[in-house]
């Protein structure tokens, strides 16, 4: 892997360390070390996408750390490389670093419509940073699993997960933080592209076997799904608890161009806000079909072992998805807190 990738991973690590330790009142002045002035920030509902490093601090970083003054970061996976996320196979040549894990702390102040409950919380985070030629961050794509957060304070706006809630571990038996050079990734990238643009897009809208998931996922797959879906602890559970309901609701869903697709070491990562497009033609998570189209904001990390994916860490921005169906999940949270407007 290139010297630029190693430089970018070091810069991403430094940015995350800075954001975890910088006093809130000093963030606006010191963020220029890491972010370009016109950095693009694409994130999770209920926040809006924004532009500019001061806006990133004012909308996201400062409020988060003010509400969680003891917040600490656990990084389960860190990886980087040159993206190859175009559906037509053309490399896009953009340099990214991705990471995921937990942000752990006690929420002492209300934040983005989520009430403080003064209890220790573990927020799932997934983030991809795009770097320019000088090693500065020009694009941020980040998801925090808000539904999982709400489940932890007993205020989920969705039905109980079919899968197992609150399962989002580090990779089993290995260190997923690839700060060192990992060498050639071309074979894994080819496998990942066949899986994403071949298998996932091969559904014939009637039979799950048409996708050939058994060719890509180990029978003992661990699929760490988002809040509202939960974890599936085998390929069979993945197909019955997640894939079947998802494809019944959205049979025409397709993966399009991805903002990034990386392969490094034994891991693949991707983010695109959005990257999957679908129409809501069947019931899903307690909601009848609306017939409306939507784009899915998602982040994924996969672990590759002995020719198949054995673990998959998954983010889906449920608030954003349901908003496109005319369903305001945060309105339900406001109702539960007695602040409905």
C-alpha atoms as a PDB file:
ATOM      1  CA  UNK A   1       0.000   0.000   0.000  1.00  0.00           C
ATOM      2  CA  UNK A   2       1.232   3.528  -0.738  1.00  0.00           C
ATOM      3  CA  UNK A   3       3.093   5.973   1.466  1.00  0.00           C
ATOM      4  CA  UNK A   4       0.099   8.287   1.078  1.00  0.00           C
ATOM      5  CA  UNK A   5      -2.145   5.684   2.694  1.00  0.00           C
ATOM      6  CA  UNK A   6       0.187   5.342   5.679  1.00  0.00           C
ATOM      7  CA  UNK A   7       0.339   9.136   6.024  1.00  0.00           C
ATOM      8  CA  UNK A   8      -3.443   9.374   5.846  1.00  0.00           C
ATOM      9  CA  UNK A   9      -4.001   6.669   8.455  1.00  0.00           C
ATOM     10  CA  UNK A  10      -1.645   8.482  10.808  1.00  0.00           C
ATOM     11  CA  UNK A  11      -3.519  11.729  10.149  1.00  0.00           C
ATOM     12  CA  UNK A  12      -6.889  10.069  10.792  1.00  0.00           C
ATOM     13  CA  UNK A  13      -5.568   8.649  14.054  1.00  0.00           C
ATOM     14  CA  UNK A  14      -4.311  12.088  15.068  1.00  0.00           C
ATOM     15  CA  UNK A  15      -7.664  13.696  14.175  1.00  0.00           C
ATOM     16  CA  UNK A  16      -9.613  11.177  16.241  1.00  0.00           C
ATOM     17  CA  UNK A  17      -7.209  11.628  19.178  1.00  0.00           C
ATOM     18  CA  UNK A  18      -7.587  15.401  18.896  1.00  0.00           C
ATOM     19  CA  UNK A  19     -11.400  15.275  18.765  1.00  0.00           C
ATOM     20  CA  UNK A  20     -11.421  13.041  21.865  1.00  0.00           C
ATOM     21  CA  UNK A  21      -9.118  15.225  23.949  1.00  0.00           C
ATOM     22  CA  UNK A  22      -9.476  18.834  22.785  1.00  0.00           C
ATOM     23  CA  UNK A  23     -11.437  21.078  25.198  1.00  0.00           C
ATOM     24  CA  UNK A  24     -14.743  22.079  23.627  1.00  0.00           C
ATOM     25  CA  UNK A  25     -13.895  25.784  23.821  1.00  0.00           C
ATOM     26  CA  UNK A  26     -10.674  25.297  21.840  1.00  0.00           C
ATOM     27  CA  UNK A  27     -12.038  23.117  19.020  1.00  0.00           C
ATOM     28  CA  UNK A  28     -12.981  25.900  16.613  1.00  0.00           C
ATOM     29  CA  UNK A  29      -9.476  27.388  16.669  1.00  0.00           C
ATOM     30  CA  UNK A  30      -7.468  24.156  16.466  1.00  0.00           C
ATOM     31  CA  UNK A  31      -9.529  22.096  13.994  1.00  0.00           C
ATOM     32  CA  UNK A  32      -7.752  23.778  11.054  1.00  0.00           C
ATOM     33  CA  UNK A  33      -4.789  21.443  11.637  1.00  0.00           C
ATOM     34  CA  UNK A  34      -6.905  18.562  10.311  1.00  0.00           C
ATOM     35  CA  UNK A  35      -9.814  19.803   8.186  1.00  0.00           C
ATOM     36  CA  UNK A  36      -9.759  21.989   5.085  1.00  0.00           C
ATOM     37  CA  UNK A  37     -11.726  25.205   5.316  1.00  0.00           C
ATOM     38  CA  UNK A  38     -14.448  23.932   2.953  1.00  0.00           C
ATOM     39  CA  UNK A  39     -14.594  20.337   4.258  1.00  0.00           C
ATOM     40  CA  UNK A  40     -17.834  18.483   3.443  1.00  0.00           C
ATOM     41  CA  UNK A  41     -19.579  16.736   6.360  1.00  0.00           C
ATOM     42  CA  UNK A  42     -22.238  14.116   5.598  1.00  0.00           C
ATOM     43  CA  UNK A  43     -23.745  12.520   8.660  1.00  0.00           C
ATOM     44  CA  UNK A  44     -26.688  11.029  10.464  1.00  0.00           C
ATOM     45  CA  UNK A  45     -30.221  12.230  11.098  1.00  0.00           C
ATOM     46  CA  UNK A  46     -31.474  14.286  12.827  1.00  0.00           C
ATOM     47  CA  UNK A  47     -28.429  16.377  11.820  1.00  0.00           C
ATOM     48  CA  UNK A  48     -28.173  18.004   8.402  1.00  0.00           C
ATOM     49  CA  UNK A  49     -25.235  17.717   6.018  1.00  0.00           C
ATOM     50  CA  UNK A  50     -23.006  20.749   6.187  1.00  0.00           C
ATOM     51  CA  UNK A  51     -19.890  22.387   4.755  1.00  0.00           C
ATOM     52  CA  UNK A  52     -16.986  24.109   6.479  1.00  0.00           C
ATOM     53  CA  UNK A  53     -14.797  23.143   9.413  1.00  0.00           C
ATOM     54  CA  UNK A  54     -16.393  25.647  11.793  1.00  0.00           C
ATOM     55  CA  UNK A  55     -19.802  24.133  11.006  1.00  0.00           C
ATOM     56  CA  UNK A  56     -18.439  20.643  11.748  1.00  0.00           C
ATOM     57  CA  UNK A  57     -17.372  21.834  15.192  1.00  0.00           C
ATOM     58  CA  UNK A  58     -20.529  23.806  15.941  1.00  0.00           C
ATOM     59  CA  UNK A  59     -23.034  21.206  14.694  1.00  0.00           C
ATOM     60  CA  UNK A  60     -21.344  17.956  15.660  1.00  0.00           C
ATOM     61  CA  UNK A  61     -18.107  17.898  17.660  1.00  0.00           C
ATOM     62  CA  UNK A  62     -18.745  20.581  20.288  1.00  0.00           C
ATOM     63  CA  UNK A  63     -22.352  19.562  21.145  1.00  0.00           C
ATOM     64  CA  UNK A  64     -21.375  15.877  21.349  1.00  0.00           C
ATOM     65  CA  UNK A  65     -18.543  16.464  23.786  1.00  0.00           C
ATOM     66  CA  UNK A  66     -20.506  19.020  25.807  1.00  0.00           C
ATOM     67  CA  UNK A  67     -23.311  16.474  26.324  1.00  0.00           C
ATOM     68  CA  UNK A  68     -20.822  13.642  27.028  1.00  0.00           C
ATOM     69  CA  UNK A  69     -18.005  15.325  28.984  1.00  0.00           C
ATOM     70  CA  UNK A  70     -16.324  11.994  29.799  1.00  0.00           C
ATOM     71  CA  UNK A  71     -16.559  10.559  26.271  1.00  0.00           C
ATOM     72  CA  UNK A  72     -13.859   8.064  25.275  1.00  0.00           C
ATOM     73  CA  UNK A  73     -13.281   6.269  21.975  1.00  0.00           C
ATOM     74  CA  UNK A  74     -12.748   2.584  21.311  1.00  0.00           C
ATOM     75  CA  UNK A  75     -11.551   1.878  17.778  1.00  0.00           C
ATOM     76  CA  UNK A  76     -12.292  -1.677  16.679  1.00  0.00           C
ATOM     77  CA  UNK A  77     -11.304  -1.356  13.013  1.00  0.00           C
ATOM     78  CA  UNK A  78      -9.134   1.182  11.187  1.00  0.00           C
ATOM     79  CA  UNK A  79      -8.196   0.867   7.523  1.00  0.00           C
ATOM     80  CA  UNK A  80      -7.355   2.946   4.495  1.00  0.00           C
ATOM     81  CA  UNK A  81      -6.629   2.928   0.795  1.00  0.00           C
ATOM     82  CA  UNK A  82      -7.637   4.101  -2.649  1.00  0.00           C
ATOM     83  CA  UNK A  83     -11.341   3.707  -3.308  1.00  0.00           C
ATOM     84  CA  UNK A  84     -12.791   1.509  -6.058  1.00  0.00           C
ATOM     85  CA  UNK A  85     -16.485   2.126  -5.472  1.00  0.00           C
ATOM     86  CA  UNK A  86     -17.866   2.810  -8.934  1.00  0.00           C
ATOM     87  CA  UNK A  87     -20.400   0.244 -10.114  1.00  0.00           C
ATOM     88  CA  UNK A  88     -18.938   0.284 -13.635  1.00  0.00           C
ATOM     89  CA  UNK A  89     -15.567  -0.910 -12.338  1.00  0.00           C
ATOM     90  CA  UNK A  90     -13.610   2.253 -12.924  1.00  0.00           C
ATOM     91  CA  UNK A  91     -11.380   3.157  -9.966  1.00  0.00           C
ATOM     92  CA  UNK A  92     -12.256   6.571  -8.595  1.00  0.00           C
ATOM     93  CA  UNK A  93      -8.741   7.196  -7.262  1.00  0.00           C
ATOM     94  CA  UNK A  94      -9.850   8.901  -4.043  1.00  0.00           C
ATOM     95  CA  UNK A  95      -7.929   8.307  -0.808  1.00  0.00           C
ATOM     96  CA  UNK A  96      -9.928   7.414   2.311  1.00  0.00           C
ATOM     97  CA  UNK A  97      -9.469   6.123   5.848  1.00  0.00           C
ATOM     98  CA  UNK A  98     -12.312   4.377   7.686  1.00  0.00           C
ATOM     99  CA  UNK A  99     -12.858   3.370  11.279  1.00  0.00           C
ATOM    100  CA  UNK A 100     -15.505   2.042  13.623  1.00  0.00           C
ATOM    101  CA  UNK A 101     -16.042   1.158  17.267  1.00  0.00           C
ATOM    102  CA  UNK A 102     -17.668   2.686  20.332  1.00  0.00           C
ATOM    103  CA  UNK A 103     -17.872   6.153  21.850  1.00  0.00           C
ATOM    104  CA  UNK A 104     -18.469   5.514  25.547  1.00  0.00           C
ATOM    105  CA  UNK A 105     -19.602   8.043  28.104  1.00  0.00           C
ATOM    106  CA  UNK A 106     -22.342   9.374  30.352  1.00  0.00           C
ATOM    107  CA  UNK A 107     -24.846  11.681  28.666  1.00  0.00           C
ATOM    108  CA  UNK A 108     -25.386  14.557  31.081  1.00  0.00           C
ATOM    109  CA  UNK A 109     -27.149  16.964  28.721  1.00  0.00           C
ATOM    110  CA  UNK A 110     -29.925  16.679  26.140  1.00  0.00           C
ATOM    111  CA  UNK A 111     -28.524  16.338  22.626  1.00  0.00           C
ATOM    112  CA  UNK A 112     -30.164  16.532  19.168  1.00  0.00           C
ATOM    113  CA  UNK A 113     -33.578  15.796  20.683  1.00  0.00           C
ATOM    114  CA  UNK A 114     -32.316  12.839  22.733  1.00  0.00           C
ATOM    115  CA  UNK A 115     -32.866  13.347  26.469  1.00  0.00           C
ATOM    116  CA  UNK A 116     -30.092  12.833  28.986  1.00  0.00           C
ATOM    117  CA  UNK A 117     -30.599   9.896  31.325  1.00  0.00           C
ATOM    118  CA  UNK A 118     -27.303  10.201  33.222  1.00  0.00           C
ATOM    119  CA  UNK A 119     -26.345   6.633  32.431  1.00  0.00           C
ATOM    120  CA  UNK A 120     -23.293   5.173  30.746  1.00  0.00           C
ATOM    121  CA  UNK A 121     -23.908   4.704  27.015  1.00  0.00           C
ATOM    122  CA  UNK A 122     -21.955   3.040  24.219  1.00  0.00           C
ATOM    123  CA  UNK A 123     -22.558   4.820  20.919  1.00  0.00           C
ATOM    124  CA  UNK A 124     -21.656   2.890  17.777  1.00  0.00           C
ATOM    125  CA  UNK A 125     -19.677   5.071  15.386  1.00  0.00           C
ATOM    126  CA  UNK A 126     -18.548   4.483  11.814  1.00  0.00           C
ATOM    127  CA  UNK A 127     -16.589   7.143   9.945  1.00  0.00           C
ATOM    128  CA  UNK A 128     -14.774   7.565   6.635  1.00  0.00           C
ATOM    129  CA  UNK A 129     -12.387  10.455   5.998  1.00  0.00           C
ATOM    130  CA  UNK A 130     -11.295  11.532   2.514  1.00  0.00           C
ATOM    131  CA  UNK A 131      -7.841  13.121   2.178  1.00  0.00           C
ATOM    132  CA  UNK A 132      -6.393  15.523  -0.342  1.00  0.00           C
ATOM    133  CA  UNK A 133      -2.885  15.299  -1.783  1.00  0.00           C
ATOM    134  CA  UNK A 134      -1.470  17.223   1.193  1.00  0.00           C
ATOM    135  CA  UNK A 135      -2.967  14.823   3.738  1.00  0.00           C
ATOM    136  CA  UNK A 136      -5.813  17.026   4.978  1.00  0.00           C
ATOM    137  CA  UNK A 137      -9.414  15.915   5.388  1.00  0.00           C
ATOM    138  CA  UNK A 138     -11.751  17.175   2.661  1.00  0.00           C
ATOM    139  CA  UNK A 139     -14.798  14.930   3.214  1.00  0.00           C
ATOM    140  CA  UNK A 140     -16.269  13.261   6.294  1.00  0.00           C
ATOM    141  CA  UNK A 141     -18.949  10.570   6.148  1.00  0.00           C
ATOM    142  CA  UNK A 142     -20.069   9.498   9.609  1.00  0.00           C
ATOM    143  CA  UNK A 143     -22.925   7.568  11.156  1.00  0.00           C
ATOM    144  CA  UNK A 144     -23.748   7.174  14.822  1.00  0.00           C
ATOM    145  CA  UNK A 145     -26.389   4.500  15.402  1.00  0.00           C
ATOM    146  CA  UNK A 146     -29.101   6.705  16.880  1.00  0.00           C
ATOM    147  CA  UNK A 147     -31.731   3.951  17.153  1.00  0.00           C
ATOM    148  CA  UNK A 148     -29.292   1.769  19.122  1.00  0.00           C
ATOM    149  CA  UNK A 149     -28.627   4.821  21.336  1.00  0.00           C
ATOM    150  CA  UNK A 150     -32.379   5.259  21.899  1.00  0.00           C
ATOM    151  CA  UNK A 151     -32.755   1.551  22.646  1.00  0.00           C
ATOM    152  CA  UNK A 152     -30.209   1.940  25.442  1.00  0.00           C
ATOM    153  CA  UNK A 153     -32.390   4.550  27.155  1.00  0.00           C
ATOM    154  CA  UNK A 154     -35.638   2.612  26.528  1.00  0.00           C
ATOM    155  CA  UNK A 155     -36.952   5.146  24.004  1.00  0.00           C
ATOM    156  CA  UNK A 156     -36.712   3.343  20.679  1.00  0.00           C
ATOM    157  CA  UNK A 157     -39.233   4.568  18.088  1.00  0.00           C
ATOM    158  CA  UNK A 158     -39.144   1.162  16.350  1.00  0.00           C
ATOM    159  CA  UNK A 159     -40.376  -2.298  17.370  1.00  0.00           C
ATOM    160  CA  UNK A 160     -38.049  -4.621  19.257  1.00  0.00           C
ATOM    161  CA  UNK A 161     -35.260  -5.975  17.062  1.00  0.00           C
ATOM    162  CA  UNK A 162     -35.683  -9.404  15.503  1.00  0.00           C
ATOM    163  CA  UNK A 163     -32.004 -10.032  16.075  1.00  0.00           C
ATOM    164  CA  UNK A 164     -29.963  -9.701  19.269  1.00  0.00           C
ATOM    165  CA  UNK A 165     -29.620  -6.066  20.440  1.00  0.00           C
ATOM    166  CA  UNK A 166     -26.432  -4.360  21.620  1.00  0.00           C
ATOM    167  CA  UNK A 167     -23.941  -6.692  19.907  1.00  0.00           C
ATOM    168  CA  UNK A 168     -21.093  -4.734  18.273  1.00  0.00           C
ATOM    169  CA  UNK A 169     -17.749  -6.299  19.248  1.00  0.00           C
ATOM    170  CA  UNK A 170     -14.211  -5.869  18.021  1.00  0.00           C
ATOM    171  CA  UNK A 171     -13.053  -8.451  15.443  1.00  0.00           C
ATOM    172  CA  UNK A 172     -12.760 -11.919  16.942  1.00  0.00           C
ATOM    173  CA  UNK A 173      -9.233 -12.987  17.818  1.00  0.00           C
ATOM    174  CA  UNK A 174      -7.328 -10.314  15.849  1.00  0.00           C
ATOM    175  CA  UNK A 175      -6.516  -6.609  15.944  1.00  0.00           C
ATOM    176  CA  UNK A 176      -8.588  -4.841  13.290  1.00  0.00           C
ATOM    177  CA  UNK A 177      -6.664  -1.572  13.577  1.00  0.00           C
ATOM    178  CA  UNK A 178      -4.395  -1.647  10.553  1.00  0.00           C
ATOM    179  CA  UNK A 179      -2.085   1.232  11.307  1.00  0.00           C
ATOM    180  CA  UNK A 180       0.837  -0.606   9.643  1.00  0.00           C
ATOM    181  CA  UNK A 181       1.225  -1.268   5.920  1.00  0.00           C
ATOM    182  CA  UNK A 182      -0.807  -4.319   4.834  1.00  0.00           C
ATOM    183  CA  UNK A 183       0.538  -4.925   1.329  1.00  0.00           C
ATOM    184  CA  UNK A 184      -1.404  -5.757  -1.851  1.00  0.00           C
ATOM    185  CA  UNK A 185      -5.223  -5.737  -1.665  1.00  0.00           C
ATOM    186  CA  UNK A 186      -6.200  -6.453  -5.287  1.00  0.00           C
ATOM    187  CA  UNK A 187      -7.557  -9.992  -4.762  1.00  0.00           C
ATOM    188  CA  UNK A 188      -9.722  -8.964  -1.815  1.00  0.00           C
ATOM    189  CA  UNK A 189     -10.999  -5.926  -3.699  1.00  0.00           C
ATOM    190  CA  UNK A 190     -12.052  -8.154  -6.610  1.00  0.00           C
ATOM    191  CA  UNK A 191     -13.940 -10.453  -4.214  1.00  0.00           C
ATOM    192  CA  UNK A 192     -15.612  -7.481  -2.532  1.00  0.00           C
ATOM    193  CA  UNK A 193     -16.731  -5.959  -5.827  1.00  0.00           C
ATOM    194  CA  UNK A 194     -18.207  -9.268  -6.990  1.00  0.00           C
ATOM    195  CA  UNK A 195     -20.088  -9.582  -3.700  1.00  0.00           C
ATOM    196  CA  UNK A 196     -21.432  -5.999  -3.675  1.00  0.00           C
ATOM    197  CA  UNK A 197     -22.171  -5.341  -7.330  1.00  0.00           C
ATOM    198  CA  UNK A 198     -22.774  -8.982  -8.283  1.00  0.00           C
ATOM    199  CA  UNK A 199     -24.291 -10.977  -5.415  1.00  0.00           C
ATOM    200  CA  UNK A 200     -26.141  -8.179  -3.616  1.00  0.00           C
ATOM    201  CA  UNK A 201     -27.575  -6.897  -6.906  1.00  0.00           C
ATOM    202  CA  UNK A 202     -28.553 -10.355  -8.187  1.00  0.00           C
ATOM    203  CA  UNK A 203     -31.849 -10.743  -6.289  1.00  0.00           C
ATOM    204  CA  UNK A 204     -34.560 -11.880  -8.705  1.00  0.00           C
ATOM    205  CA  UNK A 205     -37.288 -10.438  -6.390  1.00  0.00           C
ATOM    206  CA  UNK A 206     -38.539 -13.912  -5.450  1.00  0.00           C
ATOM    207  CA  UNK A 207     -35.806 -16.280  -4.194  1.00  0.00           C
ATOM    208  CA  UNK A 208     -33.023 -15.432  -1.732  1.00  0.00           C
ATOM    209  CA  UNK A 209     -30.865 -18.138  -3.300  1.00  0.00           C
ATOM    210  CA  UNK A 210     -30.620 -16.002  -6.445  1.00  0.00           C
ATOM    211  CA  UNK A 211     -28.144 -13.800  -4.556  1.00  0.00           C
ATOM    212  CA  UNK A 212     -25.755 -16.643  -3.734  1.00  0.00           C
ATOM    213  CA  UNK A 213     -24.919 -15.344  -0.265  1.00  0.00           C
ATOM    214  CA  UNK A 214     -23.536 -18.755   0.738  1.00  0.00           C
ATOM    215  CA  UNK A 215     -20.697 -18.119  -1.716  1.00  0.00           C
ATOM    216  CA  UNK A 216     -19.664 -14.986   0.162  1.00  0.00           C
ATOM    217  CA  UNK A 217     -20.715 -15.473   3.800  1.00  0.00           C
ATOM    218  CA  UNK A 218     -19.482 -18.248   6.106  1.00  0.00           C
ATOM    219  CA  UNK A 219     -22.291 -20.433   7.556  1.00  0.00           C
ATOM    220  CA  UNK A 220     -21.237 -19.240  11.021  1.00  0.00           C
ATOM    221  CA  UNK A 221     -21.389 -15.573   9.979  1.00  0.00           C
ATOM    222  CA  UNK A 222     -21.587 -12.925  12.692  1.00  0.00           C
ATOM    223  CA  UNK A 223     -23.638 -10.031  11.295  1.00  0.00           C
ATOM    224  CA  UNK A 224     -23.655  -7.074  13.676  1.00  0.00           C
ATOM    225  CA  UNK A 225     -26.774  -5.269  12.533  1.00  0.00           C
ATOM    226  CA  UNK A 226     -27.940  -1.783  13.497  1.00  0.00           C
ATOM    227  CA  UNK A 227     -30.503  -0.680  16.029  1.00  0.00           C
ATOM    228  CA  UNK A 228     -33.967  -1.766  14.894  1.00  0.00           C
ATOM    229  CA  UNK A 229     -32.608  -4.970  13.320  1.00  0.00           C
ATOM    230  CA  UNK A 230     -30.085  -6.413  15.787  1.00  0.00           C
ATOM    231  CA  UNK A 231     -27.305  -8.942  15.376  1.00  0.00           C
ATOM    232  CA  UNK A 232     -27.667 -12.199  13.452  1.00  0.00           C
ATOM    233  CA  UNK A 233     -25.307 -14.914  14.664  1.00  0.00           C
ATOM    234  CA  UNK A 234     -25.323 -17.255  11.664  1.00  0.00           C
ATOM    235  CA  UNK A 235     -25.967 -17.072   7.917  1.00  0.00           C
ATOM    236  CA  UNK A 236     -29.331 -18.730   8.518  1.00  0.00           C
ATOM    237  CA  UNK A 237     -30.293 -16.037  11.047  1.00  0.00           C
ATOM    238  CA  UNK A 238     -29.063 -13.312   8.685  1.00  0.00           C
ATOM    239  CA  UNK A 239     -31.313 -14.614   5.930  1.00  0.00           C
ATOM    240  CA  UNK A 240     -34.392 -15.193   8.092  1.00  0.00           C
ATOM    241  CA  UNK A 241     -34.204 -12.280  10.547  1.00  0.00           C
ATOM    242  CA  UNK A 242     -32.863  -9.553   8.277  1.00  0.00           C
ATOM    243  CA  UNK A 243     -32.563 -10.385   4.602  1.00  0.00           C
ATOM    244  CA  UNK A 244     -36.035 -11.878   4.070  1.00  0.00           C
ATOM    245  CA  UNK A 245     -37.947  -8.993   5.765  1.00  0.00           C
ATOM    246  CA  UNK A 246     -35.697  -6.404   4.076  1.00  0.00           C
ATOM    247  CA  UNK A 247     -36.208  -7.815   0.585  1.00  0.00           C
ATOM    248  CA  UNK A 248     -39.939  -8.304   1.145  1.00  0.00           C
ATOM    249  CA  UNK A 249     -40.177  -4.597   1.952  1.00  0.00           C
ATOM    250  CA  UNK A 250     -37.701  -3.421  -0.699  1.00  0.00           C
ATOM    251  CA  UNK A 251     -37.509  -6.066  -3.453  1.00  0.00           C
ATOM    252  CA  UNK A 252     -36.087  -3.664  -6.050  1.00  0.00           C
ATOM    253  CA  UNK A 253     -33.209  -2.408  -3.905  1.00  0.00           C
ATOM    254  CA  UNK A 254     -29.928  -1.945  -5.772  1.00  0.00           C
ATOM    255  CA  UNK A 255     -26.409  -0.945  -4.826  1.00  0.00           C
ATOM    256  CA  UNK A 256     -25.247   2.003  -6.898  1.00  0.00           C
ATOM    257  CA  UNK A 257     -21.966   3.893  -7.004  1.00  0.00           C
ATOM    258  CA  UNK A 258     -20.389   4.007  -3.556  1.00  0.00           C
ATOM    259  CA  UNK A 259     -18.659   7.061  -2.177  1.00  0.00           C
ATOM    260  CA  UNK A 260     -15.826   4.746  -1.203  1.00  0.00           C
ATOM    261  CA  UNK A 261     -14.933   1.059  -1.212  1.00  0.00           C
ATOM    262  CA  UNK A 262     -11.667   0.015   0.443  1.00  0.00           C
ATOM    263  CA  UNK A 263      -9.848  -3.288   0.941  1.00  0.00           C
ATOM    264  CA  UNK A 264      -6.859  -3.608   3.256  1.00  0.00           C
ATOM    265  CA  UNK A 265      -5.433  -6.557   5.124  1.00  0.00           C
ATOM    266  CA  UNK A 266      -8.327  -8.904   5.889  1.00  0.00           C
ATOM    267  CA  UNK A 267     -10.977  -6.181   5.853  1.00  0.00           C
ATOM    268  CA  UNK A 268     -13.278  -4.410   3.424  1.00  0.00           C
ATOM    269  CA  UNK A 269     -15.027  -1.158   4.228  1.00  0.00           C
ATOM    270  CA  UNK A 270     -17.475   1.112   2.451  1.00  0.00           C
ATOM    271  CA  UNK A 271     -19.632   4.144   3.062  1.00  0.00           C
ATOM    272  CA  UNK A 272     -22.067   6.021   0.900  1.00  0.00           C
ATOM    273  CA  UNK A 273     -24.699   8.456   2.025  1.00  0.00           C
ATOM    274  CA  UNK A 274     -26.608   7.142   0.116  1.00  0.00           C
ATOM    275  CA  UNK A 275     -25.364   4.079  -1.783  1.00  0.00           C
ATOM    276  CA  UNK A 276     -28.397   1.772  -1.941  1.00  0.00           C
ATOM    277  CA  UNK A 277     -31.654   2.773  -3.663  1.00  0.00           C
ATOM    278  CA  UNK A 278     -35.053   1.163  -3.131  1.00  0.00           C
ATOM    279  CA  UNK A 279     -38.843   1.453  -3.159  1.00  0.00           C
ATOM    280  CA  UNK A 280     -40.959   0.762  -0.073  1.00  0.00           C
ATOM    281  CA  UNK A 281     -43.450  -1.780  -1.474  1.00  0.00           C
ATOM    282  CA  UNK A 282     -43.864  -4.117   1.519  1.00  0.00           C
ATOM    283  CA  UNK A 283     -44.209  -3.909   5.323  1.00  0.00           C
ATOM    284  CA  UNK A 284     -41.101  -3.113   7.308  1.00  0.00           C
ATOM    285  CA  UNK A 285     -40.477  -2.767  11.041  1.00  0.00           C
ATOM    286  CA  UNK A 286     -44.135  -2.246  11.818  1.00  0.00           C
ATOM    287  CA  UNK A 287     -44.877   0.122   8.927  1.00  0.00           C
ATOM    288  CA  UNK A 288     -47.022  -0.660   5.895  1.00  0.00           C
ATOM    289  CA  UNK A 289     -45.764   0.032   2.399  1.00  0.00           C
ATOM    290  CA  UNK A 290     -45.797   3.651   1.277  1.00  0.00           C
ATOM    291  CA  UNK A 291     -44.762   3.119  -2.346  1.00  0.00           C
ATOM    292  CA  UNK A 292     -42.106   5.805  -1.923  1.00  0.00           C
ATOM    293  CA  UNK A 293     -38.526   5.601  -3.120  1.00  0.00           C
ATOM    294  CA  UNK A 294     -35.508   6.216  -0.900  1.00  0.00           C
ATOM    295  CA  UNK A 295     -31.748   6.187  -0.706  1.00  0.00           C
ATOM    296  CA  UNK A 296     -30.131   4.307   2.170  1.00  0.00           C
ATOM    297  CA  UNK A 297     -27.325   5.958   4.087  1.00  0.00           C
ATOM    298  CA  UNK A 298     -25.076   3.134   5.220  1.00  0.00           C
ATOM    299  CA  UNK A 299     -21.621   2.095   6.350  1.00  0.00           C
ATOM    300  CA  UNK A 300     -20.245  -1.450   6.340  1.00  0.00           C
ATOM    301  CA  UNK A 301     -17.089  -3.246   7.396  1.00  0.00           C
ATOM    302  CA  UNK A 302     -16.458  -6.899   6.522  1.00  0.00           C
ATOM    303  CA  UNK A 303     -13.808  -9.334   7.745  1.00  0.00           C
ATOM    304  CA  UNK A 304     -12.462 -11.824   5.179  1.00  0.00           C
ATOM    305  CA  UNK A 305     -11.123 -15.204   6.290  1.00  0.00           C
ATOM    306  CA  UNK A 306     -10.396 -18.379   4.297  1.00  0.00           C
ATOM    307  CA  UNK A 307     -12.265 -17.265   1.207  1.00  0.00           C
ATOM    308  CA  UNK A 308     -15.443 -15.865   2.815  1.00  0.00           C
ATOM    309  CA  UNK A 309     -16.694 -13.015   4.949  1.00  0.00           C
ATOM    310  CA  UNK A 310     -17.000 -14.145   8.573  1.00  0.00           C
ATOM    311  CA  UNK A 311     -18.016 -10.897  10.282  1.00  0.00           C
ATOM    312  CA  UNK A 312     -19.951  -7.817   9.121  1.00  0.00           C
ATOM    313  CA  UNK A 313     -20.381  -4.551  11.051  1.00  0.00           C
ATOM    314  CA  UNK A 314     -23.405  -2.654   9.698  1.00  0.00           C
ATOM    315  CA  UNK A 315     -24.841   0.863   9.962  1.00  0.00           C
ATOM    316  CA  UNK A 316     -28.165   1.959   8.471  1.00  0.00           C
ATOM    317  CA  UNK A 317     -29.447   5.469   9.235  1.00  0.00           C
ATOM    318  CA  UNK A 318     -32.999   4.438  10.153  1.00  0.00           C
ATOM    319  CA  UNK A 319     -34.132   7.983  10.983  1.00  0.00           C
ATOM    320  CA  UNK A 320     -33.112   9.187   7.527  1.00  0.00           C
ATOM    321  CA  UNK A 321     -34.592   6.122   5.795  1.00  0.00           C
ATOM    322  CA  UNK A 322     -38.006   6.421   7.439  1.00  0.00           C
ATOM    323  CA  UNK A 323     -38.120  10.195   6.909  1.00  0.00           C
ATOM    324  CA  UNK A 324     -38.185   9.516   3.167  1.00  0.00           C
ATOM    325  CA  UNK A 325     -41.358   7.483   3.755  1.00  0.00           C
ATOM    326  CA  UNK A 326     -42.958  10.430   5.552  1.00  0.00           C
ATOM    327  CA  UNK A 327     -42.367   8.881   8.990  1.00  0.00           C
ATOM    328  CA  UNK A 328     -40.718  11.078  11.649  1.00  0.00           C
ATOM    329  CA  UNK A 329     -39.161   8.706  14.176  1.00  0.00           C
ATOM    330  CA  UNK A 330     -37.863  11.561  16.313  1.00  0.00           C
ATOM    331  CA  UNK A 331     -41.434  12.846  16.680  1.00  0.00           C
ATOM    332  CA  UNK A 332     -42.152   9.624  18.542  1.00  0.00           C
ATOM    333  CA  UNK A 333     -39.197  10.283  20.819  1.00  0.00           C
ATOM    334  CA  UNK A 334     -40.495  13.799  21.492  1.00  0.00           C
ATOM    335  CA  UNK A 335     -43.897  12.328  22.279  1.00  0.00           C
ATOM    336  CA  UNK A 336     -42.337   9.914  24.766  1.00  0.00           C
ATOM    337  CA  UNK A 337     -40.520  12.783  26.478  1.00  0.00           C
ATOM    338  CA  UNK A 338     -43.628  14.979  26.511  1.00  0.00           C
ATOM    339  CA  UNK A 339     -42.156  17.525  24.116  1.00  0.00           C
ATOM    340  CA  UNK A 340     -44.270  16.835  21.036  1.00  0.00           C
ATOM    341  CA  UNK A 341     -44.783  19.972  18.932  1.00  0.00           C
END
